N, C-alpha and C. Protein backbone atom coordinates (compact mmCIF):
# COMPACT_ATOMS: atom_id res chain seq x y z
N MET A 1 -35.52 -20.32 -39.30
CA MET A 1 -34.77 -19.53 -40.26
C MET A 1 -33.47 -19.07 -39.61
N THR A 2 -32.37 -19.21 -40.29
CA THR A 2 -31.06 -18.82 -39.78
C THR A 2 -30.62 -17.52 -40.45
N ARG A 3 -30.20 -16.54 -39.60
CA ARG A 3 -29.69 -15.27 -40.13
C ARG A 3 -28.18 -15.26 -39.99
N ARG A 4 -27.53 -14.74 -40.98
CA ARG A 4 -26.07 -14.62 -40.93
C ARG A 4 -25.70 -13.15 -40.83
N LEU A 5 -24.74 -12.86 -39.95
CA LEU A 5 -24.25 -11.49 -39.84
C LEU A 5 -23.23 -11.24 -40.95
N PRO A 6 -23.19 -10.03 -41.50
CA PRO A 6 -22.12 -9.71 -42.45
C PRO A 6 -20.77 -9.89 -41.77
N ALA A 7 -19.74 -10.21 -42.53
CA ALA A 7 -18.42 -10.51 -41.99
C ALA A 7 -17.88 -9.37 -41.13
N ALA A 8 -18.06 -8.12 -41.55
CA ALA A 8 -17.53 -6.98 -40.80
C ALA A 8 -18.22 -6.87 -39.43
N ARG A 9 -19.54 -7.08 -39.39
CA ARG A 9 -20.27 -7.00 -38.12
C ARG A 9 -19.87 -8.15 -37.21
N LEU A 10 -19.67 -9.32 -37.79
CA LEU A 10 -19.25 -10.48 -37.01
C LEU A 10 -17.87 -10.25 -36.41
N ALA A 11 -16.94 -9.71 -37.21
CA ALA A 11 -15.59 -9.44 -36.71
C ALA A 11 -15.63 -8.41 -35.59
N THR A 12 -16.44 -7.37 -35.73
CA THR A 12 -16.57 -6.36 -34.68
C THR A 12 -17.15 -6.98 -33.42
N ALA A 13 -18.17 -7.79 -33.56
CA ALA A 13 -18.80 -8.43 -32.40
C ALA A 13 -17.80 -9.35 -31.70
N LEU A 14 -17.02 -10.11 -32.46
CA LEU A 14 -16.03 -11.01 -31.86
C LEU A 14 -14.94 -10.22 -31.15
N GLY A 15 -14.47 -9.14 -31.79
CA GLY A 15 -13.44 -8.30 -31.18
C GLY A 15 -13.92 -7.70 -29.87
N THR A 16 -15.16 -7.23 -29.86
CA THR A 16 -15.74 -6.66 -28.64
C THR A 16 -15.85 -7.72 -27.56
N ALA A 17 -16.25 -8.92 -27.94
CA ALA A 17 -16.38 -10.01 -26.97
C ALA A 17 -15.03 -10.37 -26.36
N VAL A 18 -13.98 -10.39 -27.18
CA VAL A 18 -12.63 -10.72 -26.69
C VAL A 18 -12.15 -9.63 -25.73
N LEU A 19 -12.37 -8.35 -26.06
CA LEU A 19 -11.97 -7.25 -25.19
C LEU A 19 -12.71 -7.33 -23.85
N LEU A 20 -14.02 -7.57 -23.91
CA LEU A 20 -14.81 -7.67 -22.68
C LEU A 20 -14.36 -8.85 -21.83
N LEU A 21 -14.04 -9.97 -22.47
CA LEU A 21 -13.55 -11.14 -21.74
C LEU A 21 -12.24 -10.81 -21.03
N GLY A 22 -11.35 -10.10 -21.71
CA GLY A 22 -10.08 -9.71 -21.10
C GLY A 22 -10.28 -8.81 -19.90
N LEU A 23 -11.16 -7.81 -20.03
CA LEU A 23 -11.43 -6.91 -18.90
C LEU A 23 -12.13 -7.65 -17.76
N MET A 24 -13.01 -8.61 -18.11
CA MET A 24 -13.67 -9.39 -17.07
C MET A 24 -12.66 -10.25 -16.32
N THR A 25 -11.66 -10.76 -17.03
CA THR A 25 -10.61 -11.56 -16.40
C THR A 25 -9.84 -10.72 -15.40
N VAL A 26 -9.48 -9.48 -15.81
CA VAL A 26 -8.77 -8.57 -14.92
C VAL A 26 -9.64 -8.23 -13.73
N ALA A 27 -10.92 -7.94 -13.97
CA ALA A 27 -11.84 -7.60 -12.88
C ALA A 27 -11.99 -8.78 -11.91
N ALA A 28 -12.06 -9.99 -12.44
CA ALA A 28 -12.19 -11.17 -11.58
C ALA A 28 -10.94 -11.35 -10.72
N ALA A 29 -9.79 -11.01 -11.27
CA ALA A 29 -8.54 -11.14 -10.52
C ALA A 29 -8.49 -10.18 -9.35
N THR A 30 -9.22 -9.06 -9.45
CA THR A 30 -9.20 -8.07 -8.37
C THR A 30 -10.45 -8.12 -7.52
N ALA A 31 -11.37 -9.04 -7.80
CA ALA A 31 -12.64 -9.10 -7.06
C ALA A 31 -12.43 -9.61 -5.65
N GLY A 32 -13.39 -9.29 -4.80
CA GLY A 32 -13.36 -9.82 -3.45
C GLY A 32 -12.63 -8.95 -2.44
N THR A 33 -12.05 -7.84 -2.91
CA THR A 33 -11.34 -6.96 -2.00
C THR A 33 -11.83 -5.53 -2.15
N ALA A 34 -13.11 -5.37 -2.41
CA ALA A 34 -13.64 -4.05 -2.68
C ALA A 34 -13.60 -3.15 -1.46
N GLY A 35 -13.34 -1.87 -1.73
CA GLY A 35 -13.35 -0.85 -0.70
C GLY A 35 -14.50 0.09 -0.99
N PRO A 36 -14.39 1.33 -0.52
CA PRO A 36 -15.42 2.30 -0.80
C PRO A 36 -15.55 2.54 -2.30
N PRO A 37 -16.74 2.95 -2.79
CA PRO A 37 -16.91 3.20 -4.21
C PRO A 37 -15.86 4.19 -4.71
N GLY A 38 -15.29 3.89 -5.89
CA GLY A 38 -14.30 4.77 -6.49
C GLY A 38 -12.89 4.57 -5.98
N SER A 39 -12.71 3.73 -4.97
CA SER A 39 -11.36 3.49 -4.47
C SER A 39 -10.93 2.09 -4.87
N PRO A 40 -9.63 1.93 -5.18
CA PRO A 40 -9.15 0.61 -5.57
C PRO A 40 -9.06 -0.31 -4.36
N PRO A 41 -9.21 -1.61 -4.60
CA PRO A 41 -8.99 -2.55 -3.50
C PRO A 41 -7.52 -2.46 -3.10
N PRO A 42 -7.20 -2.11 -1.83
CA PRO A 42 -5.82 -1.89 -1.44
C PRO A 42 -4.90 -3.06 -1.70
N ALA A 43 -5.40 -4.28 -1.56
CA ALA A 43 -4.53 -5.44 -1.73
C ALA A 43 -4.09 -5.64 -3.17
N THR A 44 -4.70 -4.95 -4.12
CA THR A 44 -4.31 -5.16 -5.51
C THR A 44 -3.13 -4.30 -5.93
N TYR A 45 -2.79 -3.26 -5.16
CA TYR A 45 -1.68 -2.38 -5.54
C TYR A 45 -0.41 -2.76 -4.80
N ARG A 46 0.71 -2.55 -5.47
CA ARG A 46 2.03 -2.79 -4.91
C ARG A 46 2.98 -1.77 -5.51
N LEU A 47 4.16 -1.66 -4.96
CA LEU A 47 5.15 -0.74 -5.53
C LEU A 47 5.59 -1.24 -6.90
N PRO A 48 5.89 -0.33 -7.82
CA PRO A 48 6.36 -0.75 -9.14
C PRO A 48 7.85 -1.11 -9.17
N LEU A 49 8.51 -1.02 -8.03
CA LEU A 49 9.90 -1.44 -7.89
C LEU A 49 9.97 -2.43 -6.73
N THR A 50 10.98 -3.29 -6.74
CA THR A 50 11.12 -4.22 -5.62
C THR A 50 11.80 -3.51 -4.46
N GLY A 51 11.58 -3.99 -3.27
CA GLY A 51 12.18 -3.40 -2.09
C GLY A 51 11.31 -2.31 -1.50
N ALA A 52 11.85 -1.67 -0.48
CA ALA A 52 11.12 -0.59 0.20
C ALA A 52 11.12 0.67 -0.66
N ALA A 53 10.10 1.48 -0.47
CA ALA A 53 9.99 2.73 -1.23
C ALA A 53 10.94 3.76 -0.66
N ASP A 54 11.76 4.34 -1.52
CA ASP A 54 12.61 5.46 -1.16
C ASP A 54 12.09 6.63 -1.99
N VAL A 55 11.20 7.41 -1.39
CA VAL A 55 10.52 8.48 -2.12
C VAL A 55 11.44 9.70 -2.21
N VAL A 56 11.76 10.07 -3.45
CA VAL A 56 12.59 11.24 -3.70
C VAL A 56 11.73 12.50 -3.73
N ARG A 57 10.53 12.38 -4.29
CA ARG A 57 9.60 13.51 -4.35
C ARG A 57 8.18 12.97 -4.19
N ASP A 58 7.43 13.60 -3.29
CA ASP A 58 6.06 13.20 -3.00
C ASP A 58 5.08 13.70 -4.05
N PHE A 59 3.88 13.17 -3.98
CA PHE A 59 2.74 13.62 -4.79
C PHE A 59 2.36 15.02 -4.33
N GLU A 60 2.23 15.94 -5.28
CA GLU A 60 1.83 17.32 -4.99
C GLU A 60 0.74 17.71 -5.97
N PRO A 61 -0.54 17.50 -5.58
CA PRO A 61 -1.61 17.82 -6.52
C PRO A 61 -1.66 19.31 -6.81
N PRO A 62 -1.98 19.67 -8.04
CA PRO A 62 -2.09 21.09 -8.37
C PRO A 62 -3.37 21.67 -7.75
N PRO A 63 -3.40 22.99 -7.50
CA PRO A 63 -4.61 23.60 -6.93
C PRO A 63 -5.80 23.52 -7.88
N VAL A 64 -5.53 23.52 -9.17
CA VAL A 64 -6.54 23.32 -10.21
C VAL A 64 -5.94 22.40 -11.26
N ARG A 65 -6.78 21.71 -12.02
CA ARG A 65 -6.30 20.65 -12.94
C ARG A 65 -5.19 21.09 -13.88
N TRP A 66 -5.23 22.33 -14.35
CA TRP A 66 -4.29 22.76 -15.38
C TRP A 66 -3.03 23.40 -14.80
N ALA A 67 -2.95 23.57 -13.50
CA ALA A 67 -1.81 24.23 -12.87
C ALA A 67 -0.65 23.26 -12.66
N ALA A 68 0.48 23.84 -12.30
CA ALA A 68 1.68 23.04 -12.02
C ALA A 68 1.48 22.20 -10.77
N GLY A 69 2.12 21.07 -10.74
CA GLY A 69 2.07 20.17 -9.59
C GLY A 69 2.94 18.97 -9.90
N HIS A 70 2.97 18.03 -9.01
CA HIS A 70 3.70 16.78 -9.26
C HIS A 70 2.68 15.66 -9.14
N ARG A 71 2.26 15.14 -10.29
CA ARG A 71 1.12 14.22 -10.39
C ARG A 71 1.51 12.76 -10.22
N GLY A 72 2.35 12.51 -9.26
CA GLY A 72 2.81 11.16 -8.97
C GLY A 72 3.89 11.22 -7.92
N VAL A 73 4.62 10.14 -7.77
CA VAL A 73 5.75 10.09 -6.84
C VAL A 73 6.98 9.64 -7.60
N ASP A 74 8.13 10.13 -7.16
CA ASP A 74 9.41 9.69 -7.72
C ASP A 74 10.05 8.75 -6.72
N LEU A 75 10.38 7.54 -7.17
CA LEU A 75 10.99 6.52 -6.34
C LEU A 75 12.44 6.31 -6.77
N ARG A 76 13.37 6.47 -5.81
CA ARG A 76 14.79 6.29 -6.13
C ARG A 76 15.00 4.88 -6.68
N SER A 77 15.86 4.79 -7.70
CA SER A 77 16.12 3.50 -8.33
C SER A 77 17.54 3.51 -8.87
N SER A 78 17.84 2.54 -9.69
CA SER A 78 19.12 2.49 -10.39
C SER A 78 18.83 2.16 -11.84
N LEU A 79 19.73 2.59 -12.71
CA LEU A 79 19.56 2.29 -14.13
C LEU A 79 19.52 0.78 -14.33
N GLY A 80 18.60 0.32 -15.14
CA GLY A 80 18.48 -1.10 -15.43
C GLY A 80 17.62 -1.88 -14.44
N ALA A 81 17.16 -1.21 -13.37
CA ALA A 81 16.30 -1.90 -12.38
C ALA A 81 14.99 -2.31 -13.04
N GLU A 82 14.47 -3.47 -12.65
CA GLU A 82 13.20 -3.94 -13.18
C GLU A 82 12.04 -3.12 -12.62
N VAL A 83 11.13 -2.75 -13.53
CA VAL A 83 9.91 -2.06 -13.15
C VAL A 83 8.79 -3.07 -13.33
N VAL A 84 7.96 -3.23 -12.29
CA VAL A 84 6.90 -4.23 -12.33
C VAL A 84 5.53 -3.56 -12.27
N SER A 85 4.54 -4.27 -12.74
CA SER A 85 3.18 -3.73 -12.74
C SER A 85 2.68 -3.60 -11.30
N PRO A 86 2.20 -2.40 -10.92
CA PRO A 86 1.70 -2.22 -9.56
C PRO A 86 0.33 -2.81 -9.33
N VAL A 87 -0.33 -3.27 -10.42
CA VAL A 87 -1.70 -3.75 -10.32
C VAL A 87 -1.96 -4.70 -11.50
N PRO A 88 -2.84 -5.70 -11.34
CA PRO A 88 -3.18 -6.51 -12.50
C PRO A 88 -4.01 -5.68 -13.47
N GLY A 89 -3.76 -5.85 -14.76
CA GLY A 89 -4.51 -5.07 -15.74
C GLY A 89 -4.08 -5.34 -17.15
N VAL A 90 -4.41 -4.37 -18.02
CA VAL A 90 -4.09 -4.44 -19.44
C VAL A 90 -3.15 -3.29 -19.77
N VAL A 91 -2.09 -3.57 -20.52
CA VAL A 91 -1.19 -2.51 -20.96
C VAL A 91 -1.95 -1.69 -22.01
N THR A 92 -2.22 -0.42 -21.69
CA THR A 92 -2.99 0.42 -22.60
C THR A 92 -2.13 1.46 -23.29
N PHE A 93 -0.86 1.59 -22.88
CA PHE A 93 0.07 2.49 -23.56
C PHE A 93 1.48 2.01 -23.30
N ALA A 94 2.30 2.02 -24.33
CA ALA A 94 3.73 1.74 -24.22
C ALA A 94 4.39 2.55 -25.32
N GLY A 95 4.91 3.71 -24.95
CA GLY A 95 5.49 4.60 -25.95
C GLY A 95 6.15 5.79 -25.28
N THR A 96 6.32 6.87 -26.06
CA THR A 96 7.02 8.05 -25.58
C THR A 96 6.05 9.21 -25.40
N VAL A 97 6.18 9.89 -24.26
CA VAL A 97 5.40 11.09 -23.98
C VAL A 97 6.38 12.16 -23.51
N GLY A 98 6.44 13.28 -24.21
CA GLY A 98 7.33 14.37 -23.80
C GLY A 98 8.79 13.95 -23.73
N GLY A 99 9.22 13.06 -24.60
CA GLY A 99 10.60 12.61 -24.61
C GLY A 99 10.93 11.53 -23.60
N ARG A 100 9.92 11.05 -22.85
CA ARG A 100 10.15 10.02 -21.85
C ARG A 100 9.39 8.75 -22.22
N PRO A 101 10.05 7.58 -22.14
CA PRO A 101 9.34 6.33 -22.40
C PRO A 101 8.43 5.97 -21.22
N VAL A 102 7.15 5.68 -21.52
CA VAL A 102 6.12 5.48 -20.52
C VAL A 102 5.37 4.18 -20.81
N VAL A 103 4.96 3.48 -19.73
CA VAL A 103 4.05 2.34 -19.84
C VAL A 103 2.87 2.61 -18.92
N THR A 104 1.66 2.38 -19.43
CA THR A 104 0.45 2.55 -18.64
C THR A 104 -0.30 1.23 -18.57
N VAL A 105 -0.70 0.86 -17.34
CA VAL A 105 -1.50 -0.35 -17.11
C VAL A 105 -2.85 0.11 -16.57
N THR A 106 -3.93 -0.34 -17.20
CA THR A 106 -5.28 -0.01 -16.76
C THR A 106 -5.89 -1.22 -16.08
N ASP A 107 -6.38 -1.00 -14.85
CA ASP A 107 -6.94 -2.12 -14.10
C ASP A 107 -8.40 -2.34 -14.47
N GLY A 108 -9.03 -3.34 -13.89
CA GLY A 108 -10.41 -3.71 -14.20
C GLY A 108 -11.43 -2.65 -13.86
N GLU A 109 -11.07 -1.67 -13.01
CA GLU A 109 -11.97 -0.57 -12.65
C GLU A 109 -11.71 0.67 -13.50
N GLY A 110 -10.75 0.60 -14.42
CA GLY A 110 -10.45 1.73 -15.30
C GLY A 110 -9.40 2.69 -14.77
N ARG A 111 -8.78 2.40 -13.62
CA ARG A 111 -7.73 3.24 -13.08
C ARG A 111 -6.45 2.99 -13.87
N ARG A 112 -5.72 4.08 -14.18
CA ARG A 112 -4.53 3.98 -15.02
C ARG A 112 -3.27 4.28 -14.21
N SER A 113 -2.37 3.30 -14.16
CA SER A 113 -1.08 3.45 -13.49
C SER A 113 -0.02 3.63 -14.57
N SER A 114 0.70 4.75 -14.51
CA SER A 114 1.76 5.01 -15.49
C SER A 114 3.10 5.09 -14.79
N VAL A 115 4.12 4.50 -15.42
CA VAL A 115 5.48 4.52 -14.90
C VAL A 115 6.42 5.01 -16.00
N GLU A 116 7.44 5.78 -15.56
CA GLU A 116 8.41 6.34 -16.50
C GLU A 116 9.67 6.73 -15.76
N PRO A 117 10.82 6.84 -16.40
CA PRO A 117 11.15 6.37 -17.74
C PRO A 117 11.62 4.92 -17.69
N LEU A 118 11.17 4.14 -18.63
CA LEU A 118 11.60 2.75 -18.68
C LEU A 118 11.62 2.26 -20.12
N ALA A 119 12.51 1.31 -20.38
CA ALA A 119 12.55 0.63 -21.67
C ALA A 119 11.47 -0.44 -21.58
N PRO A 120 10.37 -0.30 -22.34
CA PRO A 120 9.25 -1.24 -22.21
C PRO A 120 9.61 -2.66 -22.62
N ALA A 121 9.07 -3.62 -21.87
CA ALA A 121 9.22 -5.04 -22.18
C ALA A 121 7.84 -5.64 -22.45
N VAL A 122 6.83 -4.79 -22.62
CA VAL A 122 5.45 -5.23 -22.84
C VAL A 122 4.88 -4.50 -24.05
N GLU A 123 3.73 -5.00 -24.52
CA GLU A 123 3.06 -4.39 -25.67
C GLU A 123 1.64 -4.02 -25.30
N VAL A 124 1.11 -3.03 -25.99
CA VAL A 124 -0.27 -2.61 -25.79
C VAL A 124 -1.19 -3.80 -26.02
N GLY A 125 -2.16 -3.97 -25.12
CA GLY A 125 -3.12 -5.06 -25.22
C GLY A 125 -2.75 -6.26 -24.39
N GLN A 126 -1.52 -6.29 -23.87
CA GLN A 126 -1.06 -7.43 -23.08
C GLN A 126 -1.69 -7.40 -21.69
N LEU A 127 -2.22 -8.55 -21.24
CA LEU A 127 -2.72 -8.69 -19.87
C LEU A 127 -1.52 -8.97 -18.97
N VAL A 128 -1.44 -8.25 -17.83
CA VAL A 128 -0.32 -8.46 -16.91
C VAL A 128 -0.85 -8.61 -15.48
N PRO A 129 -0.30 -9.54 -14.74
CA PRO A 129 -0.64 -9.63 -13.31
C PRO A 129 0.18 -8.60 -12.54
N ALA A 130 -0.22 -8.29 -11.32
CA ALA A 130 0.60 -7.44 -10.46
C ALA A 130 1.95 -8.11 -10.28
N GLY A 131 3.01 -7.34 -10.41
CA GLY A 131 4.36 -7.88 -10.25
C GLY A 131 5.01 -8.33 -11.54
N ALA A 132 4.27 -8.31 -12.67
CA ALA A 132 4.86 -8.68 -13.96
C ALA A 132 5.84 -7.59 -14.40
N VAL A 133 6.96 -7.99 -14.99
CA VAL A 133 7.96 -7.02 -15.43
C VAL A 133 7.41 -6.22 -16.62
N LEU A 134 7.43 -4.88 -16.46
CA LEU A 134 6.98 -3.97 -17.52
C LEU A 134 8.16 -3.45 -18.34
N GLY A 135 9.34 -3.43 -17.74
CA GLY A 135 10.53 -2.93 -18.42
C GLY A 135 11.63 -2.64 -17.41
N THR A 136 12.63 -1.85 -17.84
CA THR A 136 13.74 -1.49 -16.96
C THR A 136 13.95 0.02 -16.98
N VAL A 137 14.39 0.54 -15.85
CA VAL A 137 14.61 1.98 -15.68
C VAL A 137 15.72 2.44 -16.62
N VAL A 138 15.47 3.56 -17.31
CA VAL A 138 16.46 4.18 -18.19
C VAL A 138 16.70 5.61 -17.75
N ALA A 139 17.75 6.24 -18.29
CA ALA A 139 18.12 7.61 -17.90
C ALA A 139 17.29 8.66 -18.64
N GLU A 140 16.87 8.37 -19.88
CA GLU A 140 16.17 9.35 -20.70
C GLU A 140 14.92 9.86 -20.00
N GLY A 141 14.90 11.16 -19.71
CA GLY A 141 13.71 11.77 -19.13
C GLY A 141 13.56 11.58 -17.64
N SER A 142 14.61 11.13 -16.94
CA SER A 142 14.50 10.91 -15.50
C SER A 142 14.25 12.23 -14.78
N HIS A 143 13.35 12.20 -13.81
CA HIS A 143 13.08 13.38 -12.98
C HIS A 143 14.22 13.63 -12.00
N CYS A 144 15.12 12.67 -11.86
CA CYS A 144 16.15 12.73 -10.83
C CYS A 144 17.56 12.84 -11.39
N ALA A 145 17.69 13.27 -12.64
CA ALA A 145 19.02 13.35 -13.26
C ALA A 145 19.93 14.22 -12.40
N PRO A 146 21.17 13.85 -12.20
CA PRO A 146 21.88 12.78 -12.89
C PRO A 146 21.64 11.40 -12.28
N GLY A 147 20.90 11.31 -11.17
CA GLY A 147 20.58 10.02 -10.59
C GLY A 147 19.43 9.37 -11.35
N ALA A 148 19.02 8.21 -10.88
CA ALA A 148 17.92 7.49 -11.54
C ALA A 148 16.76 7.34 -10.57
N CYS A 149 15.57 7.53 -11.08
CA CYS A 149 14.37 7.27 -10.29
C CYS A 149 13.24 6.90 -11.25
N LEU A 150 12.19 6.38 -10.67
CA LEU A 150 11.01 5.99 -11.43
C LEU A 150 9.86 6.89 -10.99
N HIS A 151 9.18 7.49 -11.95
CA HIS A 151 7.99 8.30 -11.66
C HIS A 151 6.78 7.39 -11.81
N TRP A 152 5.91 7.37 -10.78
CA TRP A 152 4.70 6.55 -10.78
C TRP A 152 3.51 7.46 -10.55
N GLY A 153 2.59 7.48 -11.51
CA GLY A 153 1.38 8.27 -11.38
C GLY A 153 0.16 7.39 -11.58
N VAL A 154 -0.95 7.74 -10.92
CA VAL A 154 -2.20 6.99 -11.07
C VAL A 154 -3.34 7.98 -11.31
N ARG A 155 -4.14 7.69 -12.35
CA ARG A 155 -5.31 8.50 -12.65
C ARG A 155 -6.57 7.69 -12.41
N VAL A 156 -7.53 8.32 -11.73
CA VAL A 156 -8.87 7.78 -11.56
C VAL A 156 -9.75 8.73 -12.35
N ASP A 157 -10.32 8.24 -13.44
CA ASP A 157 -11.01 9.08 -14.42
C ASP A 157 -9.98 10.09 -14.93
N ASP A 158 -10.21 11.38 -14.75
CA ASP A 158 -9.25 12.39 -15.21
C ASP A 158 -8.49 13.05 -14.08
N GLU A 159 -8.59 12.51 -12.88
CA GLU A 159 -7.92 13.08 -11.72
C GLU A 159 -6.75 12.20 -11.28
N TYR A 160 -5.62 12.84 -11.00
CA TYR A 160 -4.48 12.10 -10.46
C TYR A 160 -4.67 11.92 -8.96
N VAL A 161 -4.26 10.76 -8.46
CA VAL A 161 -4.32 10.46 -7.03
C VAL A 161 -2.92 10.06 -6.57
N ASP A 162 -2.69 10.15 -5.27
CA ASP A 162 -1.39 9.78 -4.71
C ASP A 162 -1.25 8.25 -4.80
N PRO A 163 -0.31 7.76 -5.60
CA PRO A 163 -0.15 6.30 -5.73
C PRO A 163 0.14 5.60 -4.40
N LEU A 164 0.87 6.27 -3.51
CA LEU A 164 1.22 5.64 -2.24
C LEU A 164 -0.01 5.42 -1.37
N SER A 165 -1.07 6.20 -1.60
CA SER A 165 -2.30 6.02 -0.82
C SER A 165 -3.05 4.76 -1.23
N LEU A 166 -2.64 4.12 -2.32
CA LEU A 166 -3.31 2.92 -2.82
C LEU A 166 -2.67 1.63 -2.30
N LEU A 167 -1.55 1.76 -1.61
CA LEU A 167 -0.84 0.58 -1.13
C LEU A 167 -1.52 0.03 0.12
N PRO A 168 -1.42 -1.27 0.34
CA PRO A 168 -2.00 -1.86 1.55
C PRO A 168 -1.45 -1.17 2.80
N GLY A 169 -2.36 -0.89 3.73
CA GLY A 169 -1.96 -0.25 4.98
C GLY A 169 -1.80 1.26 4.90
N ALA A 170 -2.06 1.85 3.74
CA ALA A 170 -1.86 3.28 3.57
C ALA A 170 -3.11 4.10 3.88
N GLY A 171 -4.15 3.44 4.37
CA GLY A 171 -5.40 4.15 4.65
C GLY A 171 -5.24 5.15 5.78
N PRO A 172 -6.31 5.83 6.11
CA PRO A 172 -6.24 6.84 7.19
C PRO A 172 -5.99 6.18 8.54
N ALA A 173 -5.33 6.94 9.42
CA ALA A 173 -5.09 6.45 10.78
C ALA A 173 -6.43 6.44 11.52
N VAL A 174 -6.64 5.39 12.29
CA VAL A 174 -7.88 5.27 13.06
C VAL A 174 -7.50 5.17 14.52
N LEU A 175 -8.05 6.10 15.34
CA LEU A 175 -7.79 6.06 16.77
C LEU A 175 -8.80 5.15 17.42
N LEU A 176 -8.33 4.24 18.25
CA LEU A 176 -9.20 3.31 18.96
C LEU A 176 -9.32 3.74 20.41
N PRO A 177 -10.48 3.48 21.01
CA PRO A 177 -10.63 3.86 22.43
C PRO A 177 -9.75 3.00 23.31
N LEU A 178 -9.31 3.60 24.43
CA LEU A 178 -8.54 2.83 25.40
C LEU A 178 -9.48 1.88 26.12
N GLU A 179 -8.99 0.71 26.41
CA GLU A 179 -9.80 -0.24 27.18
C GLU A 179 -9.89 0.23 28.62
N ALA A 180 -10.96 -0.10 29.27
CA ALA A 180 -11.14 0.29 30.68
C ALA A 180 -9.98 -0.25 31.51
N GLY A 181 -9.36 0.62 32.28
CA GLY A 181 -8.26 0.20 33.15
C GLY A 181 -6.96 0.07 32.41
N GLY A 182 -6.89 0.40 31.09
CA GLY A 182 -5.66 0.23 30.34
C GLY A 182 -5.14 1.52 29.96
């Protein structure tokens, strides 16, 4: 006996399958470089701008979630500079927040990287590899007015983390013992 699903249930099931396949693709792209639980694989993150990081303002976590702080880093840039995805993932937001144009990329582990202000060149739902162009730096809402900079923030669940700590080689310093006679 063959059972048929109603069209609405079938469409929902297919949509869910497509979404899961997309997230599995992103997860597969980041597999093989796992670190401690809850931490991103360091090799999957990169700066959202090309070149060396020129940090204008560091990450300053608030003492409590609702207090003032700086929930990301500001990277010196120039107007029109390309902003690239710091991690492979899915574009989960491309719009305006508080008068600033923002793009958010969510990786396969659910971590959300947001960059602002930029003129978006991507759409919600788009899969992007690390290094894909997300847009270009604009003046509207810049933290560095009259200069230009890019604000980069990363959330793990509902907590902001220092984006620079996610870059390769940014882990804690490890002291090694001196060799005998050295």
